[in-house]
Amino acid sequence: FPQLCFIDVTHGYVSEEAKEELGENLSEDAYDS
């Protein structure tokens, strides 16, 4: 969680949905890092 185990991120990028899950629970500085 966020659910990165269930998608192929070896050569791709993290889904916007997963990023949103992180962004909703992190400060702007932590997320940007």
PDB file of all heavy atoms in Angstrom:
ATOM      1  N   PHE A   1       0.845  -1.191   0.000  1.00  0.00           N
ATOM      2  CA  PHE A   1       0.000   0.000   0.000  1.00  0.00           C
ATOM      3  C   PHE A   1       0.873   1.231   0.000  1.00  0.00           C
ATOM      4  O   PHE A   1       1.748   1.355   0.843  1.00  0.00           O
ATOM      5  CB  PHE A   1      -0.928   0.030   1.224  1.00  0.00           C
ATOM      6  CG  PHE A   1      -1.891   1.196   1.152  1.00  0.00           C
ATOM      7  CD1 PHE A   1      -3.097   1.066   0.490  1.00  0.00           C
ATOM      8  CD2 PHE A   1      -1.555   2.422   1.704  1.00  0.00           C
ATOM      9  CE1 PHE A   1      -3.967   2.149   0.396  1.00  0.00           C
ATOM     10  CE2 PHE A   1      -2.411   3.503   1.604  1.00  0.00           C
ATOM     11  CZ  PHE A   1      -3.626   3.374   0.947  1.00  0.00           C
ATOM     12  N   PRO A   2       0.628   2.183  -0.932  1.00  0.00           N
ATOM     13  CA  PRO A   2      -0.239   2.075  -2.100  1.00  0.00           C
ATOM     14  C   PRO A   2       0.110   0.849  -2.945  1.00  0.00           C
ATOM     15  O   PRO A   2       1.244   0.378  -2.889  1.00  0.00           O
ATOM     16  CB  PRO A   2       0.033   3.360  -2.876  1.00  0.00           C
ATOM     17  CG  PRO A   2       0.542   4.314  -1.858  1.00  0.00           C
ATOM     18  CD  PRO A   2       1.334   3.471  -0.907  1.00  0.00           C
ATOM     19  N   GLN A   3      -0.822   0.385  -3.739  1.00  0.00           N
ATOM     20  CA  GLN A   3      -0.755  -0.959  -4.294  1.00  0.00           C
ATOM     21  C   GLN A   3       0.163  -1.062  -5.513  1.00  0.00           C
ATOM     22  O   GLN A   3      -0.281  -1.171  -6.651  1.00  0.00           O
ATOM     23  CB  GLN A   3      -2.171  -1.435  -4.601  1.00  0.00           C
ATOM     24  CG  GLN A   3      -3.020  -1.486  -3.328  1.00  0.00           C
ATOM     25  CD  GLN A   3      -4.493  -1.675  -3.595  1.00  0.00           C
ATOM     26  OE1 GLN A   3      -4.899  -2.087  -4.666  1.00  0.00           O
ATOM     27  NE2 GLN A   3      -5.314  -1.390  -2.606  1.00  0.00           N
ATOM     28  N   LEU A   4       1.475  -1.062  -5.235  1.00  0.00           N
ATOM     29  CA  LEU A   4       2.463  -1.171  -6.311  1.00  0.00           C
ATOM     30  C   LEU A   4       2.837  -2.610  -6.613  1.00  0.00           C
ATOM     31  O   LEU A   4       3.385  -2.903  -7.673  1.00  0.00           O
ATOM     32  CB  LEU A   4       3.732  -0.387  -5.953  1.00  0.00           C
ATOM     33  CG  LEU A   4       3.553   1.089  -5.578  1.00  0.00           C
ATOM     34  CD1 LEU A   4       4.919   1.748  -5.454  1.00  0.00           C
ATOM     35  CD2 LEU A   4       2.706   1.824  -6.583  1.00  0.00           C
ATOM     36  N   CYS A   5       2.564  -3.528  -5.688  1.00  0.00           N
ATOM     37  CA  CYS A   5       2.884  -4.943  -5.924  1.00  0.00           C
ATOM     38  C   CYS A   5       2.058  -5.510  -7.075  1.00  0.00           C
ATOM     39  O   CYS A   5       2.453  -6.485  -7.701  1.00  0.00           O
ATOM     40  CB  CYS A   5       2.593  -5.785  -4.678  1.00  0.00           C
ATOM     41  SG  CYS A   5       3.795  -5.616  -3.357  1.00  0.00           S
ATOM     42  N   PHE A   6       0.910  -4.892  -7.318  1.00  0.00           N
ATOM     43  CA  PHE A   6      -0.042  -5.482  -8.248  1.00  0.00           C
ATOM     44  C   PHE A   6       0.070  -4.923  -9.660  1.00  0.00           C
ATOM     45  O   PHE A   6      -0.747  -5.233 -10.517  1.00  0.00           O
ATOM     46  CB  PHE A   6      -1.467  -5.276  -7.724  1.00  0.00           C
ATOM     47  CG  PHE A   6      -1.633  -5.705  -6.295  1.00  0.00           C
ATOM     48  CD1 PHE A   6      -2.060  -4.816  -5.340  1.00  0.00           C
ATOM     49  CD2 PHE A   6      -1.322  -7.004  -5.903  1.00  0.00           C
ATOM     50  CE1 PHE A   6      -2.209  -5.205  -4.010  1.00  0.00           C
ATOM     51  CE2 PHE A   6      -1.472  -7.412  -4.586  1.00  0.00           C
ATOM     52  CZ  PHE A   6      -1.900  -6.505  -3.636  1.00  0.00           C
ATOM     53  N   ILE A   7       1.066  -4.061  -9.910  1.00  0.00           N
ATOM     54  CA  ILE A   7       1.278  -3.526 -11.254  1.00  0.00           C
ATOM     55  C   ILE A   7       2.740  -3.695 -11.630  1.00  0.00           C
ATOM     56  O   ILE A   7       3.600  -3.835 -10.762  1.00  0.00           O
ATOM     57  CB  ILE A   7       0.881  -2.037 -11.342  1.00  0.00           C
ATOM     58  CG1 ILE A   7       1.701  -1.216 -10.338  1.00  0.00           C
ATOM     59  CG2 ILE A   7      -0.601  -1.847 -11.100  1.00  0.00           C
ATOM     60  CD1 ILE A   7       1.435   0.276 -10.447  1.00  0.00           C
ATOM     61  N   ASP A   8       3.024  -3.691 -12.907  1.00  0.00           N
ATOM     62  CA  ASP A   8       4.394  -3.841 -13.389  1.00  0.00           C
ATOM     63  C   ASP A   8       5.067  -2.489 -13.422  1.00  0.00           C
ATOM     64  O   ASP A   8       4.779  -1.662 -14.266  1.00  0.00           O
ATOM     65  CB  ASP A   8       4.405  -4.452 -14.796  1.00  0.00           C
ATOM     66  CG  ASP A   8       5.821  -4.656 -15.315  1.00  0.00           C
ATOM     67  OD1 ASP A   8       6.767  -4.504 -14.517  1.00  0.00           O
ATOM     68  OD2 ASP A   8       5.973  -4.958 -16.506  1.00  0.00           O
ATOM     69  N   VAL A   9       5.973  -2.242 -12.457  1.00  0.00           N
ATOM     70  CA  VAL A   9       6.658  -0.957 -12.407  1.00  0.00           C
ATOM     71  C   VAL A   9       8.140  -1.104 -12.726  1.00  0.00           C
ATOM     72  O   VAL A   9       8.914  -0.189 -12.523  1.00  0.00           O
ATOM     73  CB  VAL A   9       6.492  -0.298 -11.016  1.00  0.00           C
ATOM     74  CG1 VAL A   9       5.054   0.064 -10.771  1.00  0.00           C
ATOM     75  CG2 VAL A   9       7.012  -1.213  -9.918  1.00  0.00           C
ATOM     76  N   THR A  10       8.530  -2.273 -13.247  1.00  0.00           N
ATOM     77  CA  THR A  10       9.934  -2.499 -13.549  1.00  0.00           C
ATOM     78  C   THR A  10      10.415  -1.536 -14.621  1.00  0.00           C
ATOM     79  O   THR A  10      11.495  -0.959 -14.530  1.00  0.00           O
ATOM     80  CB  THR A  10      10.159  -3.943 -14.024  1.00  0.00           C
ATOM     81  OG1 THR A  10       9.681  -4.835 -13.023  1.00  0.00           O
ATOM     82  CG2 THR A  10      11.639  -4.198 -14.251  1.00  0.00           C
ATOM     83  N   HIS A  11       9.607  -1.365 -15.667  1.00  0.00           N
ATOM     84  CA  HIS A  11       9.996  -0.483 -16.765  1.00  0.00           C
ATOM     85  C   HIS A  11       8.995   0.647 -16.962  1.00  0.00           C
ATOM     86  O   HIS A  11       9.177   1.481 -17.840  1.00  0.00           O
ATOM     87  CB  HIS A  11      10.102  -1.283 -18.066  1.00  0.00           C
ATOM     88  CG  HIS A  11      11.093  -2.404 -17.988  1.00  0.00           C
ATOM     89  ND1 HIS A  11      12.442  -2.192 -17.862  1.00  0.00           N
ATOM     90  CD2 HIS A  11      10.924  -3.746 -17.980  1.00  0.00           C
ATOM     91  CE1 HIS A  11      13.068  -3.363 -17.798  1.00  0.00           C
ATOM     92  NE2 HIS A  11      12.166  -4.315 -17.863  1.00  0.00           N
ATOM     93  N   GLY A  12       7.945   0.669 -16.168  1.00  0.00           N
ATOM     94  CA  GLY A  12       6.927   1.693 -16.333  1.00  0.00           C
ATOM     95  C   GLY A  12       6.980   2.718 -15.219  1.00  0.00           C
ATOM     96  O   GLY A  12       8.004   2.893 -14.564  1.00  0.00           O
ATOM     97  N   TYR A  13       5.866   3.388 -15.025  1.00  0.00           N
ATOM     98  CA  TYR A  13       5.801   4.368 -13.960  1.00  0.00           C
ATOM     99  C   TYR A  13       4.612   4.065 -13.070  1.00  0.00           C
ATOM    100  O   TYR A  13       3.687   3.363 -13.458  1.00  0.00           O
ATOM    101  CB  TYR A  13       5.711   5.785 -14.535  1.00  0.00           C
ATOM    102  CG  TYR A  13       4.546   6.010 -15.464  1.00  0.00           C
ATOM    103  CD1 TYR A  13       3.325   6.467 -14.989  1.00  0.00           C
ATOM    104  CD2 TYR A  13       4.685   5.763 -16.830  1.00  0.00           C
ATOM    105  CE1 TYR A  13       2.258   6.665 -15.839  1.00  0.00           C
ATOM    106  CE2 TYR A  13       3.606   5.966 -17.690  1.00  0.00           C
ATOM    107  CZ  TYR A  13       2.407   6.423 -17.191  1.00  0.00           C
ATOM    108  OH  TYR A  13       1.356   6.606 -18.037  1.00  0.00           O
ATOM    109  N   VAL A  14       4.649   4.595 -11.860  1.00  0.00           N
ATOM    110  CA  VAL A  14       3.601   4.346 -10.885  1.00  0.00           C
ATOM    111  C   VAL A  14       2.316   5.019 -11.359  1.00  0.00           C
ATOM    112  O   VAL A  14       2.335   6.146 -11.847  1.00  0.00           O
ATOM    113  CB  VAL A  14       4.023   4.896  -9.509  1.00  0.00           C
ATOM    114  CG1 VAL A  14       2.902   4.731  -8.493  1.00  0.00           C
ATOM    115  CG2 VAL A  14       5.280   4.179  -9.034  1.00  0.00           C
ATOM    116  N   SER A  15       1.207   4.327 -11.217  1.00  0.00           N
ATOM    117  CA  SER A  15      -0.071   4.866 -11.667  1.00  0.00           C
ATOM    118  C   SER A  15      -0.407   6.150 -10.917  1.00  0.00           C
ATOM    119  O   SER A  15       0.001   6.358  -9.769  1.00  0.00           O
ATOM    120  CB  SER A  15      -1.187   3.841 -11.457  1.00  0.00           C
ATOM    121  OG  SER A  15      -1.439   3.667 -10.070  1.00  0.00           O
ATOM    122  N   GLU A  16      -1.182   7.009 -11.571  1.00  0.00           N
ATOM    123  CA  GLU A  16      -1.611   8.251 -10.939  1.00  0.00           C
ATOM    124  C   GLU A  16      -2.477   7.963  -9.715  1.00  0.00           C
ATOM    125  O   GLU A  16      -2.444   8.706  -8.735  1.00  0.00           O
ATOM    126  CB  GLU A  16      -2.376   9.108 -11.943  1.00  0.00           C
ATOM    127  CG  GLU A  16      -1.508   9.660 -13.064  1.00  0.00           C
ATOM    128  CD  GLU A  16      -0.349  10.489 -12.542  1.00  0.00           C
ATOM    129  OE1 GLU A  16      -0.560  11.289 -11.600  1.00  0.00           O
ATOM    130  OE2 GLU A  16       0.774  10.326 -13.065  1.00  0.00           O
ATOM    131  N   GLU A  17      -3.231   6.862  -9.773  1.00  0.00           N
ATOM    132  CA  GLU A  17      -4.077   6.486  -8.630  1.00  0.00           C
ATOM    133  C   GLU A  17      -3.231   6.206  -7.399  1.00  0.00           C
ATOM    134  O   GLU A  17      -3.556   6.651  -6.289  1.00  0.00           O
ATOM    135  CB  GLU A  17      -4.904   5.255  -8.981  1.00  0.00           C
ATOM    136  CG  GLU A  17      -5.834   4.802  -7.859  1.00  0.00           C
ATOM    137  CD  GLU A  17      -6.610   3.540  -8.210  1.00  0.00           C
ATOM    138  OE1 GLU A  17      -6.462   3.044  -9.342  1.00  0.00           O
ATOM    139  OE2 GLU A  17      -7.354   3.054  -7.347  1.00  0.00           O
ATOM    140  N   ALA A  18      -2.122   5.469  -7.598  1.00  0.00           N
ATOM    141  CA  ALA A  18      -1.238   5.158  -6.468  1.00  0.00           C
ATOM    142  C   ALA A  18      -0.587   6.430  -5.933  1.00  0.00           C
ATOM    143  O   ALA A  18      -0.421   6.601  -4.716  1.00  0.00           O
ATOM    144  CB  ALA A  18      -0.174   4.160  -6.902  1.00  0.00           C
ATOM    145  N   LYS A  19      -0.207   7.335  -6.839  1.00  0.00           N
ATOM    146  CA  LYS A  19       0.391   8.601  -6.409  1.00  0.00           C
ATOM    147  C   LYS A  19      -0.611   9.432  -5.617  1.00  0.00           C
ATOM    148  O   LYS A  19      -0.257  10.072  -4.623  1.00  0.00           O
ATOM    149  CB  LYS A  19       0.887   9.387  -7.618  1.00  0.00           C
ATOM    150  CG  LYS A  19       2.114   8.811  -8.293  1.00  0.00           C
ATOM    151  CD  LYS A  19       2.502   9.699  -9.462  1.00  0.00           C
ATOM    152  CE  LYS A  19       3.655   9.110 -10.242  1.00  0.00           C
ATOM    153  NZ  LYS A  19       4.018   9.951 -11.408  1.00  0.00           N
ATOM    154  N   GLU A  20      -1.854   9.417  -6.069  1.00  0.00           N
ATOM    155  CA  GLU A  20      -2.893  10.175  -5.367  1.00  0.00           C
ATOM    156  C   GLU A  20      -3.093   9.643  -3.955  1.00  0.00           C
ATOM    157  O   GLU A  20      -3.299  10.409  -3.011  1.00  0.00           O
ATOM    158  CB  GLU A  20      -4.203  10.112  -6.150  1.00  0.00           C
ATOM    159  CG  GLU A  20      -4.205  10.973  -7.412  1.00  0.00           C
ATOM    160  CD  GLU A  20      -5.472  10.811  -8.215  1.00  0.00           C
ATOM    161  OE1 GLU A  20      -6.404  10.113  -7.731  1.00  0.00           O
ATOM    162  OE2 GLU A  20      -5.539  11.363  -9.328  1.00  0.00           O
ATOM    163  N   GLU A  21      -3.035   8.309  -3.807  1.00  0.00           N
ATOM    164  CA  GLU A  21      -3.173   7.710  -2.472  1.00  0.00           C
ATOM    165  C   GLU A  21      -2.069   8.211  -1.547  1.00  0.00           C
ATOM    166  O   GLU A  21      -2.322   8.480  -0.371  1.00  0.00           O
ATOM    167  CB  GLU A  21      -3.132   6.186  -2.575  1.00  0.00           C
ATOM    168  CG  GLU A  21      -4.382   5.577  -3.162  1.00  0.00           C
ATOM    169  CD  GLU A  21      -4.288   4.076  -3.292  1.00  0.00           C
ATOM    170  OE1 GLU A  21      -3.155   3.555  -3.420  1.00  0.00           O
ATOM    171  OE2 GLU A  21      -5.330   3.409  -3.253  1.00  0.00           O
ATOM    172  N   LEU A  22      -0.859   8.325  -2.079  1.00  0.00           N
ATOM    173  CA  LEU A  22       0.236   8.850  -1.278  1.00  0.00           C
ATOM    174  C   LEU A  22       0.051  10.335  -1.010  1.00  0.00           C
ATOM    175  O   LEU A  22       0.198  10.808   0.124  1.00  0.00           O
ATOM    176  CB  LEU A  22       1.575   8.627  -2.006  1.00  0.00           C
ATOM    177  CG  LEU A  22       2.273   7.298  -1.783  1.00  0.00           C
ATOM    178  CD1 LEU A  22       3.497   7.194  -2.685  1.00  0.00           C
ATOM    179  CD2 LEU A  22       2.680   7.126  -0.330  1.00  0.00           C
ATOM    180  N   GLY A  23      -0.258  11.071  -2.071  1.00  0.00           N
ATOM    181  CA  GLY A  23      -0.376  12.515  -1.948  1.00  0.00           C
ATOM    182  C   GLY A  23      -1.446  12.956  -0.969  1.00  0.00           C
ATOM    183  O   GLY A  23      -1.308  13.986  -0.304  1.00  0.00           O
ATOM    184  N   GLU A  24      -2.521  12.173  -0.852  1.00  0.00           N
ATOM    185  CA  GLU A  24      -3.611  12.515   0.051  1.00  0.00           C
ATOM    186  C   GLU A  24      -3.204  12.421   1.513  1.00  0.00           C
ATOM    187  O   GLU A  24      -3.851  13.017   2.379  1.00  0.00           O
ATOM    188  CB  GLU A  24      -4.814  11.599  -0.209  1.00  0.00           C
ATOM    189  CG  GLU A  24      -5.531  11.888  -1.520  1.00  0.00           C
ATOM    190  CD  GLU A  24      -6.570  10.833  -1.846  1.00  0.00           C
ATOM    191  OE1 GLU A  24      -6.698   9.872  -1.044  1.00  0.00           O
ATOM    192  OE2 GLU A  24      -7.247  10.955  -2.880  1.00  0.00           O
ATOM    193  N   ASN A  25      -2.159  11.647   1.789  1.00  0.00           N
ATOM    194  CA  ASN A  25      -1.772  11.395   3.181  1.00  0.00           C
ATOM    195  C   ASN A  25      -0.393  11.937   3.551  1.00  0.00           C
ATOM    196  O   ASN A  25       0.073  11.707   4.667  1.00  0.00           O
ATOM    197  CB  ASN A  25      -1.800   9.888   3.451  1.00  0.00           C
ATOM    198  CG  ASN A  25      -3.186   9.308   3.341  1.00  0.00           C
ATOM    199  OD1 ASN A  25      -4.010   9.502   4.205  1.00  0.00           O
ATOM    200  ND2 ASN A  25      -3.458   8.614   2.236  1.00  0.00           N
ATOM    201  N   LEU A  26       0.246  12.660   2.623  1.00  0.00           N
ATOM    202  CA  LEU A  26       1.571  13.207   2.886  1.00  0.00           C
ATOM    203  C   LEU A  26       1.581  14.718   2.753  1.00  0.00           C
ATOM    204  O   LEU A  26       0.769  15.289   2.015  1.00  0.00           O
ATOM    205  CB  LEU A  26       2.605  12.620   1.905  1.00  0.00           C
ATOM    206  CG  LEU A  26       2.893  11.124   1.983  1.00  0.00           C
ATOM    207  CD1 LEU A  26       3.860  10.734   0.872  1.00  0.00           C
ATOM    208  CD2 LEU A  26       3.475  10.744   3.340  1.00  0.00           C
ATOM    209  N   SER A  27       2.502  15.363   3.459  1.00  0.00           N
ATOM    210  CA  SER A  27       2.691  16.791   3.253  1.00  0.00           C
ATOM    211  C   SER A  27       3.265  17.018   1.862  1.00  0.00           C
ATOM    212  O   SER A  27       3.803  16.102   1.233  1.00  0.00           O
ATOM    213  CB  SER A  27       3.652  17.356   4.308  1.00  0.00           C
ATOM    214  OG  SER A  27       4.958  16.829   4.112  1.00  0.00           O
ATOM    215  N   GLU A  28       3.171  18.235   1.386  1.00  0.00           N
ATOM    216  CA  GLU A  28       3.668  18.548   0.047  1.00  0.00           C
ATOM    217  C   GLU A  28       5.163  18.283  -0.067  1.00  0.00           C
ATOM    218  O   GLU A  28       5.633  17.735  -1.068  1.00  0.00           O
ATOM    219  CB  GLU A  28       3.372  20.007  -0.298  1.00  0.00           C
ATOM    220  CG  GLU A  28       3.725  20.384  -1.729  1.00  0.00           C
ATOM    221  CD  GLU A  28       3.331  21.802  -2.087  1.00  0.00           C
ATOM    222  OE1 GLU A  28       2.602  22.437  -1.294  1.00  0.00           O
ATOM    223  OE2 GLU A  28       3.746  22.291  -3.153  1.00  0.00           O
ATOM    224  N   ASP A  29       5.925  18.649   0.970  1.00  0.00           N
ATOM    225  CA  ASP A  29       7.377  18.443   0.946  1.00  0.00           C
ATOM    226  C   ASP A  29       7.721  16.959   0.887  1.00  0.00           C
ATOM    227  O   ASP A  29       8.604  16.546   0.119  1.00  0.00           O
ATOM    228  CB  ASP A  29       8.033  19.069   2.183  1.00  0.00           C
ATOM    229  CG  ASP A  29       8.095  20.583   2.093  1.00  0.00           C
ATOM    230  OD1 ASP A  29       7.921  21.123   0.971  1.00  0.00           O
ATOM    231  OD2 ASP A  29       8.309  21.232   3.132  1.00  0.00           O
ATOM    232  N   ALA A  30       7.030  16.148   1.692  1.00  0.00           N
ATOM    233  CA  ALA A  30       7.315  14.711   1.718  1.00  0.00           C
ATOM    234  C   ALA A  30       6.965  14.066   0.387  1.00  0.00           C
ATOM    235  O   ALA A  30       7.715  13.235  -0.137  1.00  0.00           O
ATOM    236  CB  ALA A  30       6.548  14.042   2.856  1.00  0.00           C
ATOM    237  N   TYR A  31       5.825  14.458  -0.176  1.00  0.00           N
ATOM    238  CA  TYR A  31       5.414  13.892  -1.463  1.00  0.00           C
ATOM    239  C   TYR A  31       6.381  14.294  -2.569  1.00  0.00           C
ATOM    240  O   TYR A  31       6.795  13.456  -3.377  1.00  0.00           O
ATOM    241  CB  TYR A  31       4.001  14.336  -1.812  1.00  0.00           C
ATOM    242  CG  TYR A  31       3.537  13.813  -3.159  1.00  0.00           C
ATOM    243  CD1 TYR A  31       3.111  12.494  -3.293  1.00  0.00           C
ATOM    244  CD2 TYR A  31       3.549  14.623  -4.296  1.00  0.00           C
ATOM    245  CE1 TYR A  31       2.711  11.996  -4.521  1.00  0.00           C
ATOM    246  CE2 TYR A  31       3.141  14.135  -5.523  1.00  0.00           C
ATOM    247  CZ  TYR A  31       2.726  12.826  -5.630  1.00  0.00           C
ATOM    248  OH  TYR A  31       2.342  12.330  -6.854  1.00  0.00           O
ATOM    249  N   ASP A  32       6.756  15.565  -2.599  1.00  0.00           N
ATOM    250  CA  ASP A  32       7.684  16.045  -3.633  1.00  0.00           C
ATOM    251  C   ASP A  32       9.025  15.333  -3.557  1.00  0.00           C
ATOM    252  O   ASP A  32       9.689  15.120  -4.579  1.00  0.00           O
ATOM    253  CB  ASP A  32       7.896  17.558  -3.502  1.00  0.00           C
ATOM    254  CG  ASP A  32       6.670  18.353  -3.947  1.00  0.00           C
ATOM    255  OD1 ASP A  32       5.800  17.760  -4.609  1.00  0.00           O
ATOM    256  OD2 ASP A  32       6.592  19.555  -3.618  1.00  0.00           O
ATOM    257  N   SER A  33       9.440  14.945  -2.344  1.00  0.00           N
ATOM    258  CA  SER A  33      10.727  14.269  -2.181  1.00  0.00           C
ATOM    259  C   SER A  33      10.720  12.874  -2.799  1.00  0.00           C
ATOM    260  O   SER A  33      11.776  12.291  -3.062  1.00  0.00           O
ATOM    261  CB  SER A  33      11.101  14.174  -0.690  1.00  0.00           C
ATOM    262  OG  SER A  33      10.286  13.212  -0.013  1.00  0.00           O
TER     263      SER A  33
END
